[in-house]
Amino acid sequence: VQLVESGGGLVQPGGSLRLSCAASGFSFSTYYMTWVRRAPGKGLEWIGDIDSGGGSTNYADSKKGRFAISRDNAKNTLYLQMNSLKSEDTALYYCARRNANYDYAVDSWGQGTQVTVSS
């Protein structure tokens, strides 16, 4: 299983960014996926999930309206679109796989991509 995030970087407040997560080594289209983040000095924060087909998403209340998760199963890629970014969105962003065999617990992680929101 390999998950490789990309697309992070420095963005100004109010800007947008789209993160990608390239999946390999497993049948991507059959797994729920999730995005989480870790801000400096803080614990992991769940952003949201997407089902295996991409037809259903679920977000943390604080992320609804600004963040959108999508996937392209033909490309084995997960996305996180982030809009109206704020300084408090500065964090290391991870994609992860949820395993239905383990009650949808996360069983694989990417290495993360850094997002810095600053003027």
PDB file of N, CA and C in Angstrom:
ATOM      1  N   VAL A   1       0.854  -1.190   0.000  1.00  0.00           N
ATOM      2  CA  VAL A   1       0.000   0.000   0.000  1.00  0.00           C
ATOM      3  C   VAL A   1       0.888   1.237   0.000  1.00  0.00           C
ATOM      4  N   GLN A   2       0.628   2.145  -0.921  1.00  0.00           N
ATOM      5  CA  GLN A   2       1.376   3.399  -0.945  1.00  0.00           C
ATOM      6  C   GLN A   2       0.416   4.551  -1.202  1.00  0.00           C
ATOM      7  N   LEU A   3       0.546   5.573  -0.381  1.00  0.00           N
ATOM      8  CA  LEU A   3      -0.242   6.789  -0.527  1.00  0.00           C
ATOM      9  C   LEU A   3       0.729   7.958  -0.561  1.00  0.00           C
ATOM     10  N   VAL A   4       0.685   8.751  -1.616  1.00  0.00           N
ATOM     11  CA  VAL A   4       1.635   9.850  -1.784  1.00  0.00           C
ATOM     12  C   VAL A   4       0.874  11.151  -2.015  1.00  0.00           C
ATOM     13  N   GLU A   5       0.949  12.028  -1.026  1.00  0.00           N
ATOM     14  CA  GLU A   5       0.287  13.327  -1.127  1.00  0.00           C
ATOM     15  C   GLU A   5       1.165  14.319  -1.890  1.00  0.00           C
ATOM     16  N   SER A   6       0.517  15.257  -2.532  1.00  0.00           N
ATOM     17  CA  SER A   6       1.219  16.336  -3.217  1.00  0.00           C
ATOM     18  C   SER A   6       0.295  17.542  -3.310  1.00  0.00           C
ATOM     19  N   GLY A   7       0.869  18.662  -3.723  1.00  0.00           N
ATOM     20  CA  GLY A   7       0.067  19.859  -3.928  1.00  0.00           C
ATOM     21  C   GLY A   7       0.137  20.881  -2.821  1.00  0.00           C
ATOM     22  N   GLY A   8       0.824  20.562  -1.755  1.00  0.00           N
ATOM     23  CA  GLY A   8       0.965  21.523  -0.675  1.00  0.00           C
ATOM     24  C   GLY A   8       1.894  22.657  -1.061  1.00  0.00           C
ATOM     25  N   GLY A   9       1.940  23.653  -0.197  1.00  0.00           N
ATOM     26  CA  GLY A   9       2.814  24.783  -0.457  1.00  0.00           C
ATOM     27  C   GLY A   9       2.398  25.987   0.339  1.00  0.00           C
ATOM     28  N   LEU A  10       2.940  27.135  -0.064  1.00  0.00           N
ATOM     29  CA  LEU A  10       2.631  28.406   0.593  1.00  0.00           C
ATOM     30  C   LEU A  10       1.511  29.108  -0.172  1.00  0.00           C
ATOM     31  N   VAL A  11       0.495  29.521   0.549  1.00  0.00           N
ATOM     32  CA  VAL A  11      -0.639  30.209  -0.070  1.00  0.00           C
ATOM     33  C   VAL A  11      -1.041  31.371   0.829  1.00  0.00           C
ATOM     34  N   GLN A  12      -1.524  32.430   0.224  1.00  0.00           N
ATOM     35  CA  GLN A  12      -1.956  33.592   1.001  1.00  0.00           C
ATOM     36  C   GLN A  12      -3.326  33.356   1.613  1.00  0.00           C
ATOM     37  N   PRO A  13      -3.602  34.019   2.717  1.00  0.00           N
ATOM     38  CA  PRO A  13      -4.956  33.922   3.302  1.00  0.00           C
ATOM     39  C   PRO A  13      -6.014  34.287   2.270  1.00  0.00           C
ATOM     40  N   GLY A  14      -7.081  33.498   2.257  1.00  0.00           N
ATOM     41  CA  GLY A  14      -8.138  33.691   1.276  1.00  0.00           C
ATOM     42  C   GLY A  14      -7.939  32.910  -0.007  1.00  0.00           C
ATOM     43  N   GLY A  15      -6.780  32.339  -0.164  1.00  0.00           N
ATOM     44  CA  GLY A  15      -6.476  31.593  -1.372  1.00  0.00           C
ATOM     45  C   GLY A  15      -7.018  30.173  -1.349  1.00  0.00           C
ATOM     46  N   SER A  16      -6.734  29.462  -2.436  1.00  0.00           N
ATOM     47  CA  SER A  16      -7.194  28.082  -2.584  1.00  0.00           C
ATOM     48  C   SER A  16      -6.024  27.177  -2.917  1.00  0.00           C
ATOM     49  N   LEU A  17      -6.247  25.915  -2.635  1.00  0.00           N
ATOM     50  CA  LEU A  17      -5.232  24.910  -2.910  1.00  0.00           C
ATOM     51  C   LEU A  17      -5.938  23.578  -3.103  1.00  0.00           C
ATOM     52  N   ARG A  18      -5.426  22.774  -4.011  1.00  0.00           N
ATOM     53  CA  ARG A  18      -5.957  21.429  -4.170  1.00  0.00           C
ATOM     54  C   ARG A  18      -4.846  20.425  -3.909  1.00  0.00           C
ATOM     55  N   LEU A  19      -5.065  19.579  -2.944  1.00  0.00           N
ATOM     56  CA  LEU A  19      -4.132  18.517  -2.628  1.00  0.00           C
ATOM     57  C   LEU A  19      -4.537  17.253  -3.369  1.00  0.00           C
ATOM     58  N   SER A  20      -3.537  16.463  -3.713  1.00  0.00           N
ATOM     59  CA  SER A  20      -3.776  15.173  -4.348  1.00  0.00           C
ATOM     60  C   SER A  20      -3.137  14.077  -3.523  1.00  0.00           C
ATOM     61  N   CYS A  21      -3.680  12.889  -3.662  1.00  0.00           N
ATOM     62  CA  CYS A  21      -3.126  11.713  -2.991  1.00  0.00           C
ATOM     63  C   CYS A  21      -3.158  10.569  -3.997  1.00  0.00           C
ATOM     64  N   ALA A  22      -1.989  10.184  -4.466  1.00  0.00           N
ATOM     65  CA  ALA A  22      -1.883   9.093  -5.431  1.00  0.00           C
ATOM     66  C   ALA A  22      -1.777   7.777  -4.687  1.00  0.00           C
ATOM     67  N   ALA A  23      -2.669   6.864  -5.004  1.00  0.00           N
ATOM     68  CA  ALA A  23      -2.723   5.572  -4.319  1.00  0.00           C
ATOM     69  C   ALA A  23      -2.208   4.468  -5.230  1.00  0.00           C
ATOM     70  N   SER A  24      -1.524   3.511  -4.644  1.00  0.00           N
ATOM     71  CA  SER A  24      -1.051   2.367  -5.401  1.00  0.00           C
ATOM     72  C   SER A  24      -0.885   1.174  -4.468  1.00  0.00           C
ATOM     73  N   GLY A  25      -0.851   0.003  -5.074  1.00  0.00           N
ATOM     74  CA  GLY A  25      -0.614  -1.198  -4.290  1.00  0.00           C
ATOM     75  C   GLY A  25      -1.852  -1.850  -3.708  1.00  0.00           C
ATOM     76  N   PHE A  26      -3.003  -1.292  -4.018  1.00  0.00           N
ATOM     77  CA  PHE A  26      -4.249  -1.881  -3.545  1.00  0.00           C
ATOM     78  C   PHE A  26      -5.366  -1.432  -4.476  1.00  0.00           C
ATOM     79  N   SER A  27      -6.533  -2.034  -4.293  1.00  0.00           N
ATOM     80  CA  SER A  27      -7.678  -1.715  -5.131  1.00  0.00           C
ATOM     81  C   SER A  27      -8.358  -0.452  -4.610  1.00  0.00           C
ATOM     82  N   PHE A  28      -7.860   0.669  -5.083  1.00  0.00           N
ATOM     83  CA  PHE A  28      -8.271   1.989  -4.571  1.00  0.00           C
ATOM     84  C   PHE A  28      -9.783   2.171  -4.595  1.00  0.00           C
ATOM     85  N   SER A  29     -10.423   1.726  -5.654  1.00  0.00           N
ATOM     86  CA  SER A  29     -11.849   1.991  -5.842  1.00  0.00           C
ATOM     87  C   SER A  29     -12.745   1.253  -4.867  1.00  0.00           C
ATOM     88  N   THR A  30     -12.179   0.366  -4.066  1.00  0.00           N
ATOM     89  CA  THR A  30     -12.997  -0.392  -3.118  1.00  0.00           C
ATOM     90  C   THR A  30     -12.849   0.089  -1.680  1.00  0.00           C
ATOM     91  N   TYR A  31     -12.072   1.151  -1.486  1.00  0.00           N
ATOM     92  CA  TYR A  31     -11.812   1.637  -0.124  1.00  0.00           C
ATOM     93  C   TYR A  31     -12.358   3.043   0.105  1.00  0.00           C
ATOM     94  N   TYR A  32     -12.931   3.228   1.306  1.00  0.00           N
ATOM     95  CA  TYR A  32     -13.193   4.564   1.782  1.00  0.00           C
ATOM     96  C   TYR A  32     -11.840   5.232   2.043  1.00  0.00           C
ATOM     97  N   MET A  33     -11.807   6.545   1.858  1.00  0.00           N
ATOM     98  CA  MET A  33     -10.584   7.298   2.100  1.00  0.00           C
ATOM     99  C   MET A  33     -10.888   8.496   2.983  1.00  0.00           C
ATOM    100  N   THR A  34      -9.832   9.024   3.597  1.00  0.00           N
ATOM    101  CA  THR A  34     -10.020  10.136   4.519  1.00  0.00           C
ATOM    102  C   THR A  34      -8.861  11.115   4.424  1.00  0.00           C
ATOM    103  N   TRP A  35      -9.108  12.345   4.807  1.00  0.00           N
ATOM    104  CA  TRP A  35      -8.066  13.356   4.953  1.00  0.00           C
ATOM    105  C   TRP A  35      -8.038  13.787   6.425  1.00  0.00           C
ATOM    106  N   VAL A  36      -6.845  13.908   6.941  1.00  0.00           N
ATOM    107  CA  VAL A  36      -6.644  14.433   8.292  1.00  0.00           C
ATOM    108  C   VAL A  36      -5.486  15.428   8.222  1.00  0.00           C
ATOM    109  N   ARG A  37      -5.337  16.210   9.270  1.00  0.00           N
ATOM    110  CA  ARG A  37      -4.233  17.162   9.303  1.00  0.00           C
ATOM    111  C   ARG A  37      -3.681  17.282  10.711  1.00  0.00           C
ATOM    112  N   ARG A  38      -2.455  17.778  10.784  1.00  0.00           N
ATOM    113  CA  ARG A  38      -1.840  18.060  12.070  1.00  0.00           C
ATOM    114  C   ARG A  38      -1.224  19.444  12.013  1.00  0.00           C
ATOM    115  N   ALA A  39      -1.799  20.347  12.774  1.00  0.00           N
ATOM    116  CA  ALA A  39      -1.266  21.698  12.861  1.00  0.00           C
ATOM    117  C   ALA A  39      -0.082  21.726  13.830  1.00  0.00           C
ATOM    118  N   PRO A  40       0.787  22.704  13.704  1.00  0.00           N
ATOM    119  CA  PRO A  40       1.950  22.784  14.589  1.00  0.00           C
ATOM    120  C   PRO A  40       1.543  22.770  16.055  1.00  0.00           C
ATOM    121  N   GLY A  41       2.110  21.841  16.806  1.00  0.00           N
ATOM    122  CA  GLY A  41       1.847  21.771  18.230  1.00  0.00           C
ATOM    123  C   GLY A  41       0.504  21.203  18.614  1.00  0.00           C
ATOM    124  N   LYS A  42      -0.229  20.656  17.648  1.00  0.00           N
ATOM    125  CA  LYS A  42      -1.562  20.122  17.939  1.00  0.00           C
ATOM    126  C   LYS A  42      -1.672  18.667  17.500  1.00  0.00           C
ATOM    127  N   GLY A  43      -2.759  18.016  17.893  1.00  0.00           N
ATOM    128  CA  GLY A  43      -2.978  16.633  17.528  1.00  0.00           C
ATOM    129  C   GLY A  43      -3.603  16.488  16.152  1.00  0.00           C
ATOM    130  N   LEU A  44      -3.847  15.257  15.773  1.00  0.00           N
ATOM    131  CA  LEU A  44      -4.474  14.996  14.486  1.00  0.00           C
ATOM    132  C   LEU A  44      -5.913  15.510  14.489  1.00  0.00           C
ATOM    133  N   GLU A  45      -6.292  16.110  13.375  1.00  0.00           N
ATOM    134  CA  GLU A  45      -7.645  16.617  13.213  1.00  0.00           C
ATOM    135  C   GLU A  45      -8.260  15.994  11.977  1.00  0.00           C
ATOM    136  N   TRP A  46      -9.404  15.373  12.146  1.00  0.00           N
ATOM    137  CA  TRP A  46     -10.100  14.756  11.018  1.00  0.00           C
ATOM    138  C   TRP A  46     -10.749  15.845  10.174  1.00  0.00           C
ATOM    139  N   ILE A  47     -10.574  15.734   8.856  1.00  0.00           N
ATOM    140  CA  ILE A  47     -11.181  16.692   7.938  1.00  0.00           C
ATOM    141  C   ILE A  47     -12.455  16.116   7.334  1.00  0.00           C
ATOM    142  N   GLY A  48     -12.363  14.919   6.792  1.00  0.00           N
ATOM    143  CA  GLY A  48     -13.542  14.319   6.197  1.00  0.00           C
ATOM    144  C   GLY A  48     -13.222  13.016   5.498  1.00  0.00           C
ATOM    145  N   ASP A  49     -14.273  12.329   5.079  1.00  0.00           N
ATOM    146  CA  ASP A  49     -14.180  11.034   4.422  1.00  0.00           C
ATOM    147  C   ASP A  49     -14.919  11.061   3.100  1.00  0.00           C
ATOM    148  N   ILE A  50     -14.592  10.083   2.271  1.00  0.00           N
ATOM    149  CA  ILE A  50     -15.337   9.855   1.043  1.00  0.00           C
ATOM    150  C   ILE A  50     -15.504   8.355   0.865  1.00  0.00           C
ATOM    151  N   ASP A  51     -16.673   7.951   0.370  1.00  0.00           N
ATOM    152  CA  ASP A  51     -16.900   6.525   0.194  1.00  0.00           C
ATOM    153  C   ASP A  51     -16.147   6.006  -1.026  1.00  0.00           C
ATOM    154  N   SER A  52     -16.218   4.712  -1.225  1.00  0.00           N
ATOM    155  CA  SER A  52     -15.386   4.092  -2.253  1.00  0.00           C
ATOM    156  C   SER A  52     -15.738   4.568  -3.669  1.00  0.00           C
ATOM    157  N   GLY A  53     -17.003   4.827  -3.907  1.00  0.00           N
ATOM    158  CA  GLY A  53     -17.431   5.258  -5.226  1.00  0.00           C
ATOM    159  C   GLY A  53     -17.352   6.749  -5.452  1.00  0.00           C
ATOM    160  N   GLY A  54     -17.149   7.500  -4.397  1.00  0.00           N
ATOM    161  CA  GLY A  54     -17.069   8.950  -4.502  1.00  0.00           C
ATOM    162  C   GLY A  54     -18.402   9.657  -4.448  1.00  0.00           C
ATOM    163  N   GLY A  55     -19.467   8.916  -4.204  1.00  0.00           N
ATOM    164  CA  GLY A  55     -20.780   9.524  -4.207  1.00  0.00           C
ATOM    165  C   GLY A  55     -21.228  10.103  -2.888  1.00  0.00           C
ATOM    166  N   SER A  56     -20.490   9.802  -1.840  1.00  0.00           N
ATOM    167  CA  SER A  56     -20.878  10.269  -0.511  1.00  0.00           C
ATOM    168  C   SER A  56     -19.669  10.783   0.242  1.00  0.00           C
ATOM    169  N   THR A  57     -19.809  11.955   0.818  1.00  0.00           N
ATOM    170  CA  THR A  57     -18.747  12.543   1.618  1.00  0.00           C
ATOM    171  C   THR A  57     -19.288  12.937   2.989  1.00  0.00           C
ATOM    172  N   ASN A  58     -18.376  13.057   3.922  1.00  0.00           N
ATOM    173  CA  ASN A  58     -18.732  13.440   5.283  1.00  0.00           C
ATOM    174  C   ASN A  58     -17.607  14.303   5.809  1.00  0.00           C
ATOM    175  N   TYR A  59     -17.965  15.447   6.411  1.00  0.00           N
ATOM    176  CA  TYR A  59     -16.940  16.405   6.841  1.00  0.00           C
ATOM    177  C   TYR A  59     -17.102  16.767   8.315  1.00  0.00           C
ATOM    178  N   ALA A  60     -15.988  17.168   8.898  1.00  0.00           N
ATOM    179  CA  ALA A  60     -16.043  17.806  10.203  1.00  0.00           C
ATOM    180  C   ALA A  60     -16.835  19.109  10.045  1.00  0.00           C
ATOM    181  N   ASP A  61     -17.619  19.441  11.047  1.00  0.00           N
ATOM    182  CA  ASP A  61     -18.471  20.629  10.939  1.00  0.00           C
ATOM    183  C   ASP A  61     -17.673  21.885  10.586  1.00  0.00           C
ATOM    184  N   SER A  62     -16.487  21.986  11.137  1.00  0.00           N
ATOM    185  CA  SER A  62     -15.683  23.193  10.924  1.00  0.00           C
ATOM    186  C   SER A  62     -15.134  23.298   9.510  1.00  0.00           C
ATOM    187  N   LYS A  63     -15.231  22.196   8.736  1.00  0.00           N
ATOM    188  CA  LYS A  63     -14.668  22.191   7.391  1.00  0.00           C
ATOM    189  C   LYS A  63     -15.740  22.301   6.306  1.00  0.00           C
ATOM    190  N   LYS A  64     -16.987  22.135   6.705  1.00  0.00           N
ATOM    191  CA  LYS A  64     -18.063  22.176   5.720  1.00  0.00           C
ATOM    192  C   LYS A  64     -18.121  23.541   5.054  1.00  0.00           C
ATOM    193  N   GLY A  65     -18.235  23.530   3.752  1.00  0.00           N
ATOM    194  CA  GLY A  65     -18.353  24.768   3.003  1.00  0.00           C
ATOM    195  C   GLY A  65     -17.045  25.279   2.437  1.00  0.00           C
ATOM    196  N   ARG A  66     -15.931  24.986   3.076  1.00  0.00           N
ATOM    197  CA  ARG A  66     -14.635  25.449   2.574  1.00  0.00           C
ATOM    198  C   ARG A  66     -13.811  24.332   1.962  1.00  0.00           C
ATOM    199  N   PHE A  67     -13.996  23.112   2.466  1.00  0.00           N
ATOM    200  CA  PHE A  67     -13.193  21.979   2.002  1.00  0.00           C
ATOM    201  C   PHE A  67     -14.093  21.000   1.252  1.00  0.00           C
ATOM    202  N   ALA A  68     -13.541  20.389   0.221  1.00  0.00           N
ATOM    203  CA  ALA A  68     -14.300  19.399  -0.543  1.00  0.00           C
ATOM    204  C   ALA A  68     -13.384  18.235  -0.919  1.00  0.00           C
ATOM    205  N   ILE A  69     -13.855  17.039  -0.629  1.00  0.00           N
ATOM    206  CA  ILE A  69     -13.107  15.830  -0.943  1.00  0.00           C
ATOM    207  C   ILE A  69     -13.732  15.188  -2.171  1.00  0.00           C
ATOM    208  N   SER A  70     -12.887  14.742  -3.070  1.00  0.00           N
ATOM    209  CA  SER A  70     -13.345  14.025  -4.259  1.00  0.00           C
ATOM    210  C   SER A  70     -12.318  12.967  -4.612  1.00  0.00           C
ATOM    211  N   ARG A  71     -12.658  12.141  -5.568  1.00  0.00           N
ATOM    212  CA  ARG A  71     -11.730  11.091  -5.995  1.00  0.00           C
ATOM    213  C   ARG A  71     -11.970  10.771  -7.453  1.00  0.00           C
ATOM    214  N   ASP A  72     -10.917  10.273  -8.086  1.00  0.00           N
ATOM    215  CA  ASP A  72     -10.993   9.778  -9.453  1.00  0.00           C
ATOM    216  C   ASP A  72     -10.484   8.347  -9.417  1.00  0.00           C
ATOM    217  N   ASN A  73     -11.397   7.412  -9.394  1.00  0.00           N
ATOM    218  CA  ASN A  73     -10.995   6.014  -9.264  1.00  0.00           C
ATOM    219  C   ASN A  73     -10.256   5.506 -10.506  1.00  0.00           C
ATOM    220  N   ALA A  74     -10.510   6.115 -11.635  1.00  0.00           N
ATOM    221  CA  ALA A  74      -9.788   5.723 -12.847  1.00  0.00           C
ATOM    222  C   ALA A  74      -8.314   6.097 -12.751  1.00  0.00           C
ATOM    223  N   LYS A  75      -8.025   7.142 -11.980  1.00  0.00           N
ATOM    224  CA  LYS A  75      -6.639   7.606 -11.813  1.00  0.00           C
ATOM    225  C   LYS A  75      -6.059   7.207 -10.463  1.00  0.00           C
ATOM    226  N   ASN A  76      -6.837   6.479  -9.661  1.00  0.00           N
ATOM    227  CA  ASN A  76      -6.371   6.073  -8.325  1.00  0.00           C
ATOM    228  C   ASN A  76      -5.901   7.276  -7.507  1.00  0.00           C
ATOM    229  N   THR A  77      -6.682   8.331  -7.551  1.00  0.00           N
ATOM    230  CA  THR A  77      -6.266   9.576  -6.911  1.00  0.00           C
ATOM    231  C   THR A  77      -7.403  10.167  -6.091  1.00  0.00           C
ATOM    232  N   LEU A  78      -7.029  10.617  -4.913  1.00  0.00           N
ATOM    233  CA  LEU A  78      -7.918  11.299  -3.985  1.00  0.00           C
ATOM    234  C   LEU A  78      -7.552  12.768  -3.976  1.00  0.00           C
ATOM    235  N   TYR A  79      -8.548  13.625  -3.796  1.00  0.00           N
ATOM    236  CA  TYR A  79      -8.296  15.068  -3.809  1.00  0.00           C
ATOM    237  C   TYR A  79      -8.894  15.746  -2.576  1.00  0.00           C
ATOM    238  N   LEU A  80      -8.287  16.875  -2.237  1.00  0.00           N
ATOM    239  CA  LEU A  80      -8.852  17.756  -1.217  1.00  0.00           C
ATOM    240  C   LEU A  80      -8.767  19.179  -1.751  1.00  0.00           C
ATOM    241  N   GLN A  81      -9.910  19.750  -2.054  1.00  0.00           N
ATOM    242  CA  GLN A  81      -9.980  21.132  -2.491  1.00  0.00           C
ATOM    243  C   GLN A  81     -10.222  22.014  -1.279  1.00  0.00           C
ATOM    244  N   MET A  82      -9.361  23.004  -1.097  1.00  0.00           N
ATOM    245  CA  MET A  82      -9.461  23.894   0.061  1.00  0.00           C
ATOM    246  C   MET A  82      -9.593  25.327  -0.424  1.00  0.00           C
ATOM    247  N   ASN A  83     -10.626  25.987   0.017  1.00  0.00           N
ATOM    248  CA  ASN A  83     -10.898  27.364  -0.382  1.00  0.00           C
ATOM    249  C   ASN A  83     -10.927  28.283   0.832  1.00  0.00           C
ATOM    250  N   SER A  84     -10.808  29.575   0.568  1.00  0.00           N
ATOM    251  CA  SER A  84     -10.860  30.581   1.639  1.00  0.00           C
ATOM    252  C   SER A  84      -9.943  30.210   2.789  1.00  0.00           C
ATOM    253  N   LEU A  85      -8.722  29.888   2.444  1.00  0.00           N
ATOM    254  CA  LEU A  85      -7.784  29.389   3.448  1.00  0.00           C
ATOM    255  C   LEU A  85      -7.438  30.457   4.479  1.00  0.00           C
ATOM    256  N   LYS A  86      -7.241  29.989   5.705  1.00  0.00           N
ATOM    257  CA  LYS A  86      -6.913  30.846   6.838  1.00  0.00           C
ATOM    258  C   LYS A  86      -5.577  30.413   7.429  1.00  0.00           C
ATOM    259  N   SER A  87      -5.000  31.291   8.221  1.00  0.00           N
ATOM    260  CA  SER A  87      -3.706  30.944   8.822  1.00  0.00           C
ATOM    261  C   SER A  87      -3.818  29.677   9.666  1.00  0.00           C
ATOM    262  N   GLU A  88      -4.965  29.481  10.279  1.00  0.00           N
ATOM    263  CA  GLU A  88      -5.133  28.294  11.131  1.00  0.00           C
ATOM    264  C   GLU A  88      -5.268  26.995  10.338  1.00  0.00           C
ATOM    265  N   ASP A  89      -5.311  27.097   9.022  1.00  0.00           N
ATOM    266  CA  ASP A  89      -5.294  25.893   8.182  1.00  0.00           C
ATOM    267  C   ASP A  89      -3.868  25.412   7.921  1.00  0.00           C
ATOM    268  N   THR A  90      -2.895  26.152   8.385  1.00  0.00           N
ATOM    269  CA  THR A  90      -1.504  25.721   8.264  1.00  0.00           C
ATOM    270  C   THR A  90      -1.319  24.413   9.006  1.00  0.00           C
ATOM    271  N   ALA A  91      -0.861  23.391   8.292  1.00  0.00           N
ATOM    272  CA  ALA A  91      -0.753  22.058   8.876  1.00  0.00           C
ATOM    273  C   ALA A  91      -0.088  21.118   7.889  1.00  0.00           C
ATOM    274  N   LEU A  92       0.226  19.962   8.382  1.00  0.00           N
ATOM    275  CA  LEU A  92       0.661  18.842   7.543  1.00  0.00           C
ATOM    276  C   LEU A  92      -0.589  18.023   7.242  1.00  0.00           C
ATOM    277  N   TYR A  93      -0.877  17.847   5.975  1.00  0.00           N
ATOM    278  CA  TYR A  93      -2.101  17.173   5.546  1.00  0.00           C
ATOM    279  C   TYR A  93      -1.786  15.760   5.078  1.00  0.00           C
ATOM    280  N   TYR A  94      -2.575  14.821   5.596  1.00  0.00           N
ATOM    281  CA  TYR A  94      -2.382  13.415   5.280  1.00  0.00           C
ATOM    282  C   TYR A  94      -3.634  12.831   4.637  1.00  0.00           C
ATOM    283  N   CYS A  95      -3.425  11.952   3.674  1.00  0.00           N
ATOM    284  CA  CYS A  95      -4.522  11.108   3.240  1.00  0.00           C
ATOM    285  C   CYS A  95      -4.325   9.735   3.884  1.00  0.00           C
ATOM    286  N   ALA A  96      -5.418   9.019   4.040  1.00  0.00           N
ATOM    287  CA  ALA A  96      -5.346   7.720   4.691  1.00  0.00           C
ATOM    288  C   ALA A  96      -6.450   6.812   4.161  1.00  0.00           C
ATOM    289  N   ARG A  97      -6.220   5.538   4.306  1.00  0.00           N
ATOM    290  CA  ARG A  97      -7.173   4.538   3.837  1.00  0.00           C
ATOM    291  C   ARG A  97      -7.953   3.974   5.006  1.00  0.00           C
ATOM    292  N   ARG A  98      -9.239   3.812   4.806  1.00  0.00           N
ATOM    293  CA  ARG A  98     -10.077   3.162   5.819  1.00  0.00           C
ATOM    294  C   ARG A  98     -10.390   1.745   5.368  1.00  0.00           C
ATOM    295  N   ASN A  99     -10.316   0.841   6.324  1.00  0.00           N
ATOM    296  CA  ASN A  99     -10.491  -0.568   6.011  1.00  0.00           C
ATOM    297  C   ASN A  99     -11.805  -1.074   6.601  1.00  0.00           C
ATOM    298  N   ALA A 100     -12.724  -1.475   5.720  1.00  0.00           N
ATOM    299  CA  ALA A 100     -14.026  -1.951   6.178  1.00  0.00           C
ATOM    300  C   ALA A 100     -13.906  -3.216   7.005  1.00  0.00           C
ATOM    301  N   ASN A 101     -12.827  -3.981   6.785  1.00  0.00           N
ATOM    302  CA  ASN A 101     -12.617  -5.209   7.563  1.00  0.00           C
ATOM    303  C   ASN A 101     -12.309  -4.910   9.026  1.00  0.00           C
ATOM    304  N   TYR A 102     -11.962  -3.688   9.310  1.00  0.00           N
ATOM    305  CA  TYR A 102     -11.621  -3.269  10.672  1.00  0.00           C
ATOM    306  C   TYR A 102     -12.517  -2.123  11.108  1.00  0.00           C
ATOM    307  N   ASP A 103     -13.775  -2.233  10.767  1.00  0.00           N
ATOM    308  CA  ASP A 103     -14.752  -1.221  11.167  1.00  0.00           C
ATOM    309  C   ASP A 103     -14.363   0.165  10.654  1.00  0.00           C
ATOM    310  N   TYR A 104     -13.797   0.208   9.473  1.00  0.00           N
ATOM    311  CA  TYR A 104     -13.405   1.449   8.812  1.00  0.00           C
ATOM    312  C   TYR A 104     -12.319   2.221   9.558  1.00  0.00           C
ATOM    313  N   ALA A 105     -11.557   1.523  10.346  1.00  0.00           N
ATOM    314  CA  ALA A 105     -10.405   2.159  10.983  1.00  0.00           C
ATOM    315  C   ALA A 105      -9.352   2.462   9.921  1.00  0.00           C
ATOM    316  N   VAL A 106      -8.548   3.478  10.169  1.00  0.00           N
ATOM    317  CA  VAL A 106      -7.459   3.814   9.252  1.00  0.00           C
ATOM    318  C   VAL A 106      -6.361   2.776   9.387  1.00  0.00           C
ATOM    319  N   ASP A 107      -5.920   2.238   8.258  1.00  0.00           N
ATOM    320  CA  ASP A 107      -4.857   1.240   8.323  1.00  0.00           C
ATOM    321  C   ASP A 107      -3.634   1.602   7.492  1.00  0.00           C
ATOM    322  N   SER A 108      -3.690   2.680   6.733  1.00  0.00           N
ATOM    323  CA  SER A 108      -2.530   3.114   5.961  1.00  0.00           C
ATOM    324  C   SER A 108      -2.543   4.626   5.835  1.00  0.00           C
ATOM    325  N   TRP A 109      -1.335   5.207   5.876  1.00  0.00           N
ATOM    326  CA  TRP A 109      -1.179   6.663   5.828  1.00  0.00           C
ATOM    327  C   TRP A 109      -0.185   7.055   4.743  1.00  0.00           C
ATOM    328  N   GLY A 110      -0.375   8.247   4.229  1.00  0.00           N
ATOM    329  CA  GLY A 110       0.662   8.828   3.398  1.00  0.00           C
ATOM    330  C   GLY A 110       1.692   9.531   4.268  1.00  0.00           C
ATOM    331  N   GLN A 111       2.675  10.151   3.614  1.00  0.00           N
ATOM    332  CA  GLN A 111       3.741  10.825   4.366  1.00  0.00           C
ATOM    333  C   GLN A 111       3.386  12.266   4.696  1.00  0.00           C
ATOM    334  N   GLY A 112       2.337  12.780   4.077  1.00  0.00           N
ATOM    335  CA  GLY A 112       1.873  14.129   4.350  1.00  0.00           C
ATOM    336  C   GLY A 112       2.435  15.163   3.386  1.00  0.00           C
ATOM    337  N   THR A 113       1.695  16.247   3.231  1.00  0.00           N
ATOM    338  CA  THR A 113       2.144  17.382   2.441  1.00  0.00           C
ATOM    339  C   THR A 113       1.866  18.654   3.241  1.00  0.00           C
ATOM    340  N   GLN A 114       2.839  19.544   3.270  1.00  0.00           N
ATOM    341  CA  GLN A 114       2.750  20.727   4.116  1.00  0.00           C
ATOM    342  C   GLN A 114       1.974  21.839   3.415  1.00  0.00           C
ATOM    343  N   VAL A 115       1.037  22.404   4.137  1.00  0.00           N
ATOM    344  CA  VAL A 115       0.309  23.578   3.663  1.00  0.00           C
ATOM    345  C   VAL A 115       0.581  24.714   4.642  1.00  0.00           C
ATOM    346  N   THR A 116       1.057  25.819   4.121  1.00  0.00           N
ATOM    347  CA  THR A 116       1.317  26.994   4.948  1.00  0.00           C
ATOM    348  C   THR A 116       0.510  28.163   4.403  1.00  0.00           C
ATOM    349  N   VAL A 117      -0.319  28.732   5.252  1.00  0.00           N
ATOM    350  CA  VAL A 117      -1.151  29.866   4.862  1.00  0.00           C
ATOM    351  C   VAL A 117      -0.596  31.112   5.544  1.00  0.00           C
ATOM    352  N   SER A 118      -0.030  31.982   4.745  1.00  0.00           N
ATOM    353  CA  SER A 118       0.624  33.157   5.311  1.00  0.00           C
ATOM    354  C   SER A 118       0.764  34.233   4.241  1.00  0.00           C
ATOM    355  N   SER A 119       0.718  35.475   4.692  1.00  0.00           N
ATOM    356  CA  SER A 119       0.936  36.576   3.762  1.00  0.00           C
ATOM    357  C   SER A 119       2.403  36.992   3.746  1.00  0.00           C
TER     358      SER A 119
END
